[in-house]
Amino acid sequence: MPELPEVETVVRDLRPLLVGHHLTAVKQASRQALRTRWRPAWNAEIAGQRVGSVERRGKWILIGLEAEKTLVVHLGMTGQLTVTPSTQPVATHTHLIFPLDEGEQHLRFRDIRRFGSVSLYPSRQELEDYFVASGLGPEPFDLPAKYWRDCLRATKRCLKAVLLDQGVVAGVGNIYADESLFQARLHPARLACDLDNAEADRLRRAVAVVLRRAIERRGSSIRDYVGGSGLQGEYQNEFRVYGRTGDPCPRCDAAIVCQRLAGRSSHFCPTCQKIPTTKHTKHTKKIKTNLKTTR
């Protein structure tokens, strides 16, 4: 699933290609429904609208139109939102096409597995209300230290589960949770409430460092992800633990381990990311219960 760096890359690619241009129409290229069904009534509301902004919130792409309308896109697991020449053949699994200006360029949404969505919100306030109602947490950059420490102290969930919780911090997914925990030298099964302030701050900083580096490298292309201009990402070439089960740790040469935590495969170095056994003994049993080796 595209995570924050991939979505941010799409946004940065699309911004110069869309801002100031007009969406002249909407063409539904598929009868198959996305996660949120496209409403035909939105076609007339979008036709002729000028794009004023392209932004990101968590894993959501926000295309600002006139009269505070916003075209809101979620890439799901396999979604692609790209600007392409109108003469380029329409790829299979393309669901929506938005011709631009004189029709020489198209904004196209393609999604093989159809877990993504494209919706129109009539006002920014309704969009903000949706994000509040869904409990979307703050962005991971410049998180207040007190907020972060309080979130960790308030839960007995493991660190991997907390990082994946979009209500705690928006945009982090499986890849960057693993990479951030390695950066911070923290075991993914550690209980969040066991971290001291120094460890909590180290993890907060690690998340920002990893995400910024991934954005610089245009995200990670593992399966279907491409940026808004169709280019792939490069951060997958720099993974330190994710997807590297059995490979040597880049720090100590110990074999990377994969275990299932919070319903997801979690990759870590058993040497660099050890669970302390002295000051956290009261939660050791629960940590061991959480650990289930992935076969």
C-alpha atoms as a PDB file:
ATOM      1  CA  MET A   1       0.000   0.000   0.000  1.00  0.00           C
ATOM      2  CA  PRO A   2       1.358   3.463  -0.849  1.00  0.00           C
ATOM      3  CA  GLU A   3       2.369   5.210   2.366  1.00  0.00           C
ATOM      4  CA  LEU A   4       3.147   8.839   3.123  1.00  0.00           C
ATOM      5  CA  PRO A   5       6.356   9.109   1.022  1.00  0.00           C
ATOM      6  CA  GLU A   6       4.658   7.617  -2.033  1.00  0.00           C
ATOM      7  CA  VAL A   7       1.590   9.843  -1.672  1.00  0.00           C
ATOM      8  CA  GLU A   8       3.771  12.922  -1.116  1.00  0.00           C
ATOM      9  CA  THR A   9       5.726  12.051  -4.268  1.00  0.00           C
ATOM     10  CA  VAL A  10       2.507  11.797  -6.284  1.00  0.00           C
ATOM     11  CA  VAL A  11       1.402  15.175  -4.913  1.00  0.00           C
ATOM     12  CA  ARG A  12       4.716  16.849  -5.771  1.00  0.00           C
ATOM     13  CA  ASP A  13       4.650  15.370  -9.267  1.00  0.00           C
ATOM     14  CA  LEU A  14       1.060  16.402  -9.927  1.00  0.00           C
ATOM     15  CA  ARG A  15       1.202  19.922  -8.494  1.00  0.00           C
ATOM     16  CA  PRO A  16       2.994  21.600 -11.444  1.00  0.00           C
ATOM     17  CA  LEU A  17       1.013  19.515 -13.927  1.00  0.00           C
ATOM     18  CA  LEU A  18      -2.421  20.387 -12.501  1.00  0.00           C
ATOM     19  CA  VAL A  19      -2.398  23.735 -10.690  1.00  0.00           C
ATOM     20  CA  GLY A  20      -3.848  26.437 -12.953  1.00  0.00           C
ATOM     21  CA  HIS A  21      -5.311  23.909 -15.361  1.00  0.00           C
ATOM     22  CA  HIS A  22      -8.983  22.977 -15.788  1.00  0.00           C
ATOM     23  CA  LEU A  23     -10.709  19.616 -15.441  1.00  0.00           C
ATOM     24  CA  THR A  24     -12.978  19.857 -18.468  1.00  0.00           C
ATOM     25  CA  ALA A  25     -14.956  16.651 -17.963  1.00  0.00           C
ATOM     26  CA  VAL A  26     -15.091  13.252 -16.257  1.00  0.00           C
ATOM     27  CA  LYS A  27     -15.065   9.954 -18.096  1.00  0.00           C
ATOM     28  CA  GLN A  28     -15.851   6.717 -16.274  1.00  0.00           C
ATOM     29  CA  ALA A  29     -13.660   4.130 -17.940  1.00  0.00           C
ATOM     30  CA  SER A  30     -14.854   1.183 -15.851  1.00  0.00           C
ATOM     31  CA  ARG A  31     -18.147  -0.064 -14.483  1.00  0.00           C
ATOM     32  CA  GLN A  32     -16.466  -1.703 -11.520  1.00  0.00           C
ATOM     33  CA  ALA A  33     -16.930   0.136  -8.240  1.00  0.00           C
ATOM     34  CA  LEU A  34     -14.072   1.482  -6.202  1.00  0.00           C
ATOM     35  CA  ARG A  35     -14.064   1.425  -2.399  1.00  0.00           C
ATOM     36  CA  THR A  36     -16.233   4.540  -2.559  1.00  0.00           C
ATOM     37  CA  ARG A  37     -18.597   4.496  -5.516  1.00  0.00           C
ATOM     38  CA  TRP A  38     -18.240   7.428  -7.908  1.00  0.00           C
ATOM     39  CA  ARG A  39     -21.442   9.489  -8.090  1.00  0.00           C
ATOM     40  CA  PRO A  40     -22.449  10.528 -11.638  1.00  0.00           C
ATOM     41  CA  ALA A  41     -23.817  13.788 -10.192  1.00  0.00           C
ATOM     42  CA  TRP A  42     -20.227  14.811  -9.472  1.00  0.00           C
ATOM     43  CA  ASN A  43     -19.453  14.946 -13.215  1.00  0.00           C
ATOM     44  CA  ALA A  44     -21.286  18.236 -13.730  1.00  0.00           C
ATOM     45  CA  GLU A  45     -19.837  19.735 -10.547  1.00  0.00           C
ATOM     46  CA  ILE A  46     -16.282  19.044 -11.692  1.00  0.00           C
ATOM     47  CA  ALA A  47     -16.549  19.941 -15.394  1.00  0.00           C
ATOM     48  CA  GLY A  48     -14.793  23.244 -16.075  1.00  0.00           C
ATOM     49  CA  GLN A  49     -13.283  23.525 -12.590  1.00  0.00           C
ATOM     50  CA  ARG A  50      -9.826  25.092 -12.258  1.00  0.00           C
ATOM     51  CA  VAL A  51      -7.302  23.316 -10.038  1.00  0.00           C
ATOM     52  CA  GLY A  52      -6.034  25.663  -7.357  1.00  0.00           C
ATOM     53  CA  SER A  53      -3.941  23.323  -5.210  1.00  0.00           C
ATOM     54  CA  VAL A  54      -2.668  19.774  -4.817  1.00  0.00           C
ATOM     55  CA  GLU A  55      -1.964  18.774  -1.221  1.00  0.00           C
ATOM     56  CA  ARG A  56      -1.585  15.730   1.018  1.00  0.00           C
ATOM     57  CA  ARG A  57      -3.134  14.812   4.353  1.00  0.00           C
ATOM     58  CA  GLY A  58      -1.894  11.513   5.733  1.00  0.00           C
ATOM     59  CA  LYS A  59      -2.303   9.084   2.836  1.00  0.00           C
ATOM     60  CA  TRP A  60      -4.955  11.226   1.120  1.00  0.00           C
ATOM     61  CA  ILE A  61      -4.427  13.378  -1.988  1.00  0.00           C
ATOM     62  CA  LEU A  62      -6.429  16.619  -1.950  1.00  0.00           C
ATOM     63  CA  ILE A  63      -7.013  18.387  -5.272  1.00  0.00           C
ATOM     64  CA  GLY A  64      -8.472  21.791  -4.485  1.00  0.00           C
ATOM     65  CA  LEU A  65     -11.008  23.175  -6.969  1.00  0.00           C
ATOM     66  CA  GLU A  66     -13.021  26.369  -7.152  1.00  0.00           C
ATOM     67  CA  ALA A  67     -15.698  27.256  -4.579  1.00  0.00           C
ATOM     68  CA  GLU A  68     -13.802  25.247  -1.935  1.00  0.00           C
ATOM     69  CA  LYS A  69     -14.612  21.929  -3.615  1.00  0.00           C
ATOM     70  CA  THR A  70     -12.007  19.218  -3.162  1.00  0.00           C
ATOM     71  CA  LEU A  71     -11.373  16.090  -5.192  1.00  0.00           C
ATOM     72  CA  VAL A  72     -10.129  13.594  -2.603  1.00  0.00           C
ATOM     73  CA  VAL A  73      -8.135  10.547  -3.712  1.00  0.00           C
ATOM     74  CA  HIS A  74      -6.947   7.530  -1.743  1.00  0.00           C
ATOM     75  CA  LEU A  75      -4.634   5.167  -3.601  1.00  0.00           C
ATOM     76  CA  GLY A  76      -5.653   2.121  -1.578  1.00  0.00           C
ATOM     77  CA  MET A  77      -3.221  -0.714  -2.246  1.00  0.00           C
ATOM     78  CA  THR A  78      -2.632  -0.466  -5.997  1.00  0.00           C
ATOM     79  CA  GLY A  79      -3.929   2.959  -7.006  1.00  0.00           C
ATOM     80  CA  GLN A  80      -2.103   5.155  -9.534  1.00  0.00           C
ATOM     81  CA  LEU A  81      -2.946   8.813 -10.182  1.00  0.00           C
ATOM     82  CA  THR A  82      -1.003  10.140 -13.163  1.00  0.00           C
ATOM     83  CA  VAL A  83      -1.066  12.840 -15.813  1.00  0.00           C
ATOM     84  CA  THR A  84      -0.538  11.309 -19.241  1.00  0.00           C
ATOM     85  CA  PRO A  85      -0.875  12.397 -22.896  1.00  0.00           C
ATOM     86  CA  SER A  86      -4.408  11.806 -24.117  1.00  0.00           C
ATOM     87  CA  THR A  87      -2.974   9.839 -27.029  1.00  0.00           C
ATOM     88  CA  GLN A  88      -1.524   7.233 -24.679  1.00  0.00           C
ATOM     89  CA  PRO A  89      -3.653   4.054 -24.684  1.00  0.00           C
ATOM     90  CA  VAL A  90      -5.852   3.712 -21.609  1.00  0.00           C
ATOM     91  CA  ALA A  91      -4.395   0.995 -19.411  1.00  0.00           C
ATOM     92  CA  THR A  92      -6.563  -1.802 -18.071  1.00  0.00           C
ATOM     93  CA  HIS A  93      -8.075  -1.153 -14.632  1.00  0.00           C
ATOM     94  CA  THR A  94      -8.333   2.591 -15.333  1.00  0.00           C
ATOM     95  CA  HIS A  95     -11.519   3.798 -13.631  1.00  0.00           C
ATOM     96  CA  LEU A  96     -11.691   7.571 -14.059  1.00  0.00           C
ATOM     97  CA  ILE A  97     -10.296   9.965 -16.660  1.00  0.00           C
ATOM     98  CA  PHE A  98     -10.280  13.754 -16.250  1.00  0.00           C
ATOM     99  CA  PRO A  99      -9.355  15.548 -19.509  1.00  0.00           C
ATOM    100  CA  LEU A 100      -7.354  18.746 -18.925  1.00  0.00           C
ATOM    101  CA  ASP A 101      -7.803  22.068 -20.758  1.00  0.00           C
ATOM    102  CA  GLU A 102      -7.856  21.372 -24.507  1.00  0.00           C
ATOM    103  CA  GLY A 103      -7.789  17.624 -23.960  1.00  0.00           C
ATOM    104  CA  GLU A 104      -4.158  17.013 -24.824  1.00  0.00           C
ATOM    105  CA  GLN A 105      -3.460  15.703 -21.304  1.00  0.00           C
ATOM    106  CA  HIS A 106      -5.461  13.426 -19.007  1.00  0.00           C
ATOM    107  CA  LEU A 107      -5.499  12.938 -15.269  1.00  0.00           C
ATOM    108  CA  ARG A 108      -6.158   9.204 -14.896  1.00  0.00           C
ATOM    109  CA  PHE A 109      -6.935   7.047 -11.884  1.00  0.00           C
ATOM    110  CA  ARG A 110      -6.031   3.373 -12.201  1.00  0.00           C
ATOM    111  CA  ASP A 111      -6.506   0.761  -9.482  1.00  0.00           C
ATOM    112  CA  ILE A 112      -6.136  -2.968 -10.041  1.00  0.00           C
ATOM    113  CA  ARG A 113      -7.498  -4.171  -6.688  1.00  0.00           C
ATOM    114  CA  ARG A 114     -10.057  -1.359  -6.328  1.00  0.00           C
ATOM    115  CA  PHE A 115      -9.362  -0.569  -2.673  1.00  0.00           C
ATOM    116  CA  GLY A 116      -8.745   3.058  -3.614  1.00  0.00           C
ATOM    117  CA  SER A 117     -11.303   5.816  -3.951  1.00  0.00           C
ATOM    118  CA  VAL A 118     -12.013   9.166  -5.590  1.00  0.00           C
ATOM    119  CA  SER A 119     -14.658  11.419  -4.042  1.00  0.00           C
ATOM    120  CA  LEU A 120     -15.795  15.031  -4.287  1.00  0.00           C
ATOM    121  CA  TYR A 121     -16.290  17.078  -1.125  1.00  0.00           C
ATOM    122  CA  PRO A 122     -18.389  20.235  -1.636  1.00  0.00           C
ATOM    123  CA  SER A 123     -16.496  22.285   0.966  1.00  0.00           C
ATOM    124  CA  ARG A 124     -13.235  22.249   2.899  1.00  0.00           C
ATOM    125  CA  GLN A 125     -15.207  22.261   6.137  1.00  0.00           C
ATOM    126  CA  GLU A 126     -16.986  19.012   5.232  1.00  0.00           C
ATOM    127  CA  LEU A 127     -13.629  17.481   4.360  1.00  0.00           C
ATOM    128  CA  GLU A 128     -12.103  18.590   7.670  1.00  0.00           C
ATOM    129  CA  ASP A 129     -15.169  17.254   9.485  1.00  0.00           C
ATOM    130  CA  TYR A 130     -14.605  13.900   7.799  1.00  0.00           C
ATOM    131  CA  PHE A 131     -10.981  13.747   8.907  1.00  0.00           C
ATOM    132  CA  VAL A 132     -11.968  14.681  12.470  1.00  0.00           C
ATOM    133  CA  ALA A 133     -14.769  12.092  12.547  1.00  0.00           C
ATOM    134  CA  SER A 134     -12.420   9.411  11.228  1.00  0.00           C
ATOM    135  CA  GLY A 135      -9.908  10.240  13.972  1.00  0.00           C
ATOM    136  CA  LEU A 136      -7.021  11.001  11.614  1.00  0.00           C
ATOM    137  CA  GLY A 137      -3.972  11.893  13.687  1.00  0.00           C
ATOM    138  CA  PRO A 138      -1.394  14.648  13.142  1.00  0.00           C
ATOM    139  CA  GLU A 139       1.317  14.602  10.499  1.00  0.00           C
ATOM    140  CA  PRO A 140       4.555  12.835  11.559  1.00  0.00           C
ATOM    141  CA  PHE A 141       6.813  15.835  10.989  1.00  0.00           C
ATOM    142  CA  ASP A 142       7.414  18.118  13.979  1.00  0.00           C
ATOM    143  CA  LEU A 143       5.167  16.091  16.300  1.00  0.00           C
ATOM    144  CA  PRO A 144       5.019  17.776  19.729  1.00  0.00           C
ATOM    145  CA  ALA A 145       7.173  15.742  22.118  1.00  0.00           C
ATOM    146  CA  LYS A 146       4.547  15.821  24.883  1.00  0.00           C
ATOM    147  CA  TYR A 147       1.774  14.623  22.569  1.00  0.00           C
ATOM    148  CA  TRP A 148       3.932  11.730  21.378  1.00  0.00           C
ATOM    149  CA  ARG A 149       5.049  10.703  24.866  1.00  0.00           C
ATOM    150  CA  ASP A 150       1.464  10.865  26.145  1.00  0.00           C
ATOM    151  CA  CYS A 151       0.234   8.660  23.277  1.00  0.00           C
ATOM    152  CA  LEU A 152       2.863   6.018  24.063  1.00  0.00           C
ATOM    153  CA  ARG A 153       2.252   6.086  27.818  1.00  0.00           C
ATOM    154  CA  ALA A 154      -1.491   5.684  27.332  1.00  0.00           C
ATOM    155  CA  THR A 155      -1.382   2.299  25.568  1.00  0.00           C
ATOM    156  CA  LYS A 156      -0.117  -1.204  26.255  1.00  0.00           C
ATOM    157  CA  ARG A 157       0.043  -1.997  22.555  1.00  0.00           C
ATOM    158  CA  CYS A 158       3.354  -2.835  20.911  1.00  0.00           C
ATOM    159  CA  LEU A 159       5.288  -0.133  19.088  1.00  0.00           C
ATOM    160  CA  LYS A 160       4.498  -1.618  15.689  1.00  0.00           C
ATOM    161  CA  ALA A 161       0.763  -1.329  16.361  1.00  0.00           C
ATOM    162  CA  VAL A 162       1.073   2.269  17.547  1.00  0.00           C
ATOM    163  CA  LEU A 163       3.011   3.355  14.459  1.00  0.00           C
ATOM    164  CA  LEU A 164       0.382   1.777  12.204  1.00  0.00           C
ATOM    165  CA  ASP A 165      -2.451   3.559  14.032  1.00  0.00           C
ATOM    166  CA  GLN A 166      -3.516   6.446  11.785  1.00  0.00           C
ATOM    167  CA  GLY A 167      -5.230   8.033  14.776  1.00  0.00           C
ATOM    168  CA  VAL A 168      -1.889   8.452  16.540  1.00  0.00           C
ATOM    169  CA  VAL A 169       0.180   9.619  13.590  1.00  0.00           C
ATOM    170  CA  ALA A 170      -0.992   9.901   9.982  1.00  0.00           C
ATOM    171  CA  GLY A 171       0.687   8.324   6.988  1.00  0.00           C
ATOM    172  CA  VAL A 172       2.996   5.653   8.444  1.00  0.00           C
ATOM    173  CA  GLY A 173       2.477   2.122   7.138  1.00  0.00           C
ATOM    174  CA  ASN A 174       4.209  -1.228   7.375  1.00  0.00           C
ATOM    175  CA  ILE A 175       7.373  -0.376   5.451  1.00  0.00           C
ATOM    176  CA  TYR A 176       8.245   2.818   7.254  1.00  0.00           C
ATOM    177  CA  ALA A 177       7.231   1.519  10.672  1.00  0.00           C
ATOM    178  CA  ASP A 178       9.855  -1.232  10.341  1.00  0.00           C
ATOM    179  CA  GLU A 179      12.480   1.134   8.972  1.00  0.00           C
ATOM    180  CA  SER A 180      11.806   3.734  11.684  1.00  0.00           C
ATOM    181  CA  LEU A 181      12.066   1.202  14.492  1.00  0.00           C
ATOM    182  CA  PHE A 182      15.388  -0.001  13.123  1.00  0.00           C
ATOM    183  CA  GLN A 183      16.599   3.594  12.887  1.00  0.00           C
ATOM    184  CA  ALA A 184      15.624   4.087  16.543  1.00  0.00           C
ATOM    185  CA  ARG A 185      17.090   0.714  17.647  1.00  0.00           C
ATOM    186  CA  LEU A 186      13.755  -0.322  19.182  1.00  0.00           C
ATOM    187  CA  HIS A 187      12.147  -3.765  18.964  1.00  0.00           C
ATOM    188  CA  PRO A 188       8.717  -3.671  17.266  1.00  0.00           C
ATOM    189  CA  ALA A 189       7.237  -5.844  20.044  1.00  0.00           C
ATOM    190  CA  ARG A 190       8.227  -3.419  22.809  1.00  0.00           C
ATOM    191  CA  LEU A 191       5.177  -2.114  24.608  1.00  0.00           C
ATOM    192  CA  ALA A 192       4.740   1.586  23.952  1.00  0.00           C
ATOM    193  CA  CYS A 193       4.061   2.360  27.605  1.00  0.00           C
ATOM    194  CA  ASP A 194       7.471   0.926  28.562  1.00  0.00           C
ATOM    195  CA  LEU A 195       9.495   3.525  26.686  1.00  0.00           C
ATOM    196  CA  ASP A 196      11.212   6.240  28.654  1.00  0.00           C
ATOM    197  CA  ASN A 197      11.293   9.816  27.375  1.00  0.00           C
ATOM    198  CA  ALA A 198      14.646   9.438  25.643  1.00  0.00           C
ATOM    199  CA  GLU A 199      13.473   6.341  23.759  1.00  0.00           C
ATOM    200  CA  ALA A 200      10.172   7.987  22.824  1.00  0.00           C
ATOM    201  CA  ASP A 201      11.979  11.033  21.476  1.00  0.00           C
ATOM    202  CA  ARG A 202      14.415   8.841  19.573  1.00  0.00           C
ATOM    203  CA  LEU A 203      11.549   7.066  17.835  1.00  0.00           C
ATOM    204  CA  ARG A 204       9.750  10.327  17.054  1.00  0.00           C
ATOM    205  CA  ARG A 205      12.869  11.695  15.388  1.00  0.00           C
ATOM    206  CA  ALA A 206      13.547   8.409  13.575  1.00  0.00           C
ATOM    207  CA  VAL A 207      10.099   8.419  11.949  1.00  0.00           C
ATOM    208  CA  ALA A 208      10.693  11.900  10.536  1.00  0.00           C
ATOM    209  CA  VAL A 209      14.229  11.055   9.338  1.00  0.00           C
ATOM    210  CA  VAL A 210      13.126   7.889   7.539  1.00  0.00           C
ATOM    211  CA  LEU A 211      10.098   9.494   5.916  1.00  0.00           C
ATOM    212  CA  ARG A 212      12.061  12.502   4.688  1.00  0.00           C
ATOM    213  CA  ARG A 213      14.735  10.275   3.190  1.00  0.00           C
ATOM    214  CA  ALA A 214      12.089   8.146   1.482  1.00  0.00           C
ATOM    215  CA  ILE A 215      10.473  11.257   0.014  1.00  0.00           C
ATOM    216  CA  GLU A 216      13.863  12.336  -1.341  1.00  0.00           C
ATOM    217  CA  ARG A 217      14.090   8.952  -3.075  1.00  0.00           C
ATOM    218  CA  ARG A 218      10.533   9.233  -4.477  1.00  0.00           C
ATOM    219  CA  GLY A 219       9.122   6.527  -2.219  1.00  0.00           C
ATOM    220  CA  SER A 220       9.295   2.756  -2.622  1.00  0.00           C
ATOM    221  CA  SER A 221       8.204   0.900  -5.756  1.00  0.00           C
ATOM    222  CA  ILE A 222       7.657  -2.721  -4.774  1.00  0.00           C
ATOM    223  CA  ARG A 223       4.662  -3.663  -6.894  1.00  0.00           C
ATOM    224  CA  ASP A 224       2.319  -1.161  -8.531  1.00  0.00           C
ATOM    225  CA  TYR A 225       3.354   2.225  -7.165  1.00  0.00           C
ATOM    226  CA  VAL A 226       4.461   4.982  -9.539  1.00  0.00           C
ATOM    227  CA  GLY A 227       4.567   8.739  -8.972  1.00  0.00           C
ATOM    228  CA  GLY A 228       2.231  11.248 -10.589  1.00  0.00           C
ATOM    229  CA  SER A 229       4.452  11.472 -13.646  1.00  0.00           C
ATOM    230  CA  GLY A 230       4.680   7.689 -14.000  1.00  0.00           C
ATOM    231  CA  LEU A 231       8.209   7.338 -12.584  1.00  0.00           C
ATOM    232  CA  GLN A 232       9.012   4.670 -10.000  1.00  0.00           C
ATOM    233  CA  GLY A 233      10.502   5.272  -6.567  1.00  0.00           C
ATOM    234  CA  GLU A 234      14.001   4.256  -5.454  1.00  0.00           C
ATOM    235  CA  TYR A 235      13.834   3.916  -1.675  1.00  0.00           C
ATOM    236  CA  GLN A 236      13.264   0.156  -1.947  1.00  0.00           C
ATOM    237  CA  ASN A 237      16.953  -0.055  -2.847  1.00  0.00           C
ATOM    238  CA  GLU A 238      17.831   1.358   0.573  1.00  0.00           C
ATOM    239  CA  PHE A 239      15.673  -0.809   2.850  1.00  0.00           C
ATOM    240  CA  ARG A 240      17.656  -1.759   5.929  1.00  0.00           C
ATOM    241  CA  VAL A 241      15.253  -4.352   7.353  1.00  0.00           C
ATOM    242  CA  TYR A 242      11.925  -4.381   5.490  1.00  0.00           C
ATOM    243  CA  GLY A 243      11.642  -7.400   3.197  1.00  0.00           C
ATOM    244  CA  ARG A 244      15.197  -8.509   4.014  1.00  0.00           C
ATOM    245  CA  THR A 245      14.473 -11.622   6.080  1.00  0.00           C
ATOM    246  CA  GLY A 246      17.666 -13.634   6.546  1.00  0.00           C
ATOM    247  CA  ASP A 247      19.916 -10.939   5.080  1.00  0.00           C
ATOM    248  CA  PRO A 248      22.718  -9.486   7.222  1.00  0.00           C
ATOM    249  CA  CYS A 249      21.929  -6.442   9.336  1.00  0.00           C
ATOM    250  CA  PRO A 250      23.683  -3.363   7.872  1.00  0.00           C
ATOM    251  CA  ARG A 251      24.940  -2.523  11.370  1.00  0.00           C
ATOM    252  CA  CYS A 252      26.030  -5.814  12.934  1.00  0.00           C
ATOM    253  CA  ASP A 253      25.649  -8.569  10.285  1.00  0.00           C
ATOM    254  CA  ALA A 254      23.093 -10.516  12.360  1.00  0.00           C
ATOM    255  CA  ALA A 255      20.358 -12.102  10.242  1.00  0.00           C
ATOM    256  CA  ILE A 256      17.216  -9.976   9.872  1.00  0.00           C
ATOM    257  CA  VAL A 257      14.165 -11.642  11.442  1.00  0.00           C
ATOM    258  CA  CYS A 258      10.523 -11.474  10.334  1.00  0.00           C
ATOM    259  CA  GLN A 259       7.748 -11.950  12.886  1.00  0.00           C
ATOM    260  CA  ARG A 260       4.043 -11.191  12.805  1.00  0.00           C
ATOM    261  CA  LEU A 261       2.952  -8.272  14.978  1.00  0.00           C
ATOM    262  CA  ALA A 262      -0.267  -6.253  14.943  1.00  0.00           C
ATOM    263  CA  GLY A 263      -1.431  -8.458  12.080  1.00  0.00           C
ATOM    264  CA  ARG A 264       1.494  -7.458   9.868  1.00  0.00           C
ATOM    265  CA  SER A 265       4.890  -8.935   9.020  1.00  0.00           C
ATOM    266  CA  SER A 266       7.540  -7.082  11.022  1.00  0.00           C
ATOM    267  CA  HIS A 267      11.223  -7.048  10.104  1.00  0.00           C
ATOM    268  CA  PHE A 268      13.964  -6.236  12.604  1.00  0.00           C
ATOM    269  CA  CYS A 269      17.480  -7.048  13.774  1.00  0.00           C
ATOM    270  CA  PRO A 270      17.416  -9.259  16.894  1.00  0.00           C
ATOM    271  CA  THR A 271      20.781  -7.866  17.978  1.00  0.00           C
ATOM    272  CA  CYS A 272      20.403  -4.128  17.324  1.00  0.00           C
ATOM    273  CA  GLN A 273      16.767  -4.062  18.438  1.00  0.00           C
ATOM    274  CA  LYS A 274      16.788  -6.143  21.595  1.00  0.00           C
ATOM    275  CA  ILE A 275      14.002  -6.054  24.198  1.00  0.00           C
ATOM    276  CA  PRO A 276      15.412  -4.912  27.560  1.00  0.00           C
ATOM    277  CA  THR A 277      15.083  -7.579  30.254  1.00  0.00           C
ATOM    278  CA  THR A 278      15.850  -5.606  33.413  1.00  0.00           C
ATOM    279  CA  LYS A 279      13.539  -2.622  33.773  1.00  0.00           C
ATOM    280  CA  HIS A 280      10.620  -4.019  31.735  1.00  0.00           C
ATOM    281  CA  THR A 281      10.080  -7.417  33.326  1.00  0.00           C
ATOM    282  CA  LYS A 282       6.438  -6.782  34.233  1.00  0.00           C
ATOM    283  CA  HIS A 283       5.506  -6.727  30.546  1.00  0.00           C
ATOM    284  CA  THR A 284       7.859  -9.438  29.296  1.00  0.00           C
ATOM    285  CA  LYS A 285       5.132 -12.113  29.271  1.00  0.00           C
ATOM    286  CA  LYS A 286       2.809  -9.969  27.164  1.00  0.00           C
ATOM    287  CA  ILE A 287       5.608  -9.141  24.734  1.00  0.00           C
ATOM    288  CA  LYS A 288       6.390 -12.825  24.259  1.00  0.00           C
ATOM    289  CA  THR A 289       2.685 -13.536  23.722  1.00  0.00           C
ATOM    290  CA  ASN A 290       2.625 -10.913  20.975  1.00  0.00           C
ATOM    291  CA  LEU A 291       5.497 -12.505  19.122  1.00  0.00           C
ATOM    292  CA  LYS A 292       4.406 -15.043  16.524  1.00  0.00           C
ATOM    293  CA  THR A 293       7.062 -16.123  14.071  1.00  0.00           C
ATOM    294  CA  THR A 294       6.029 -15.805  10.433  1.00  0.00           C
ATOM    295  CA  ARG A 295       6.455 -19.083   8.595  1.00  0.00           C
END
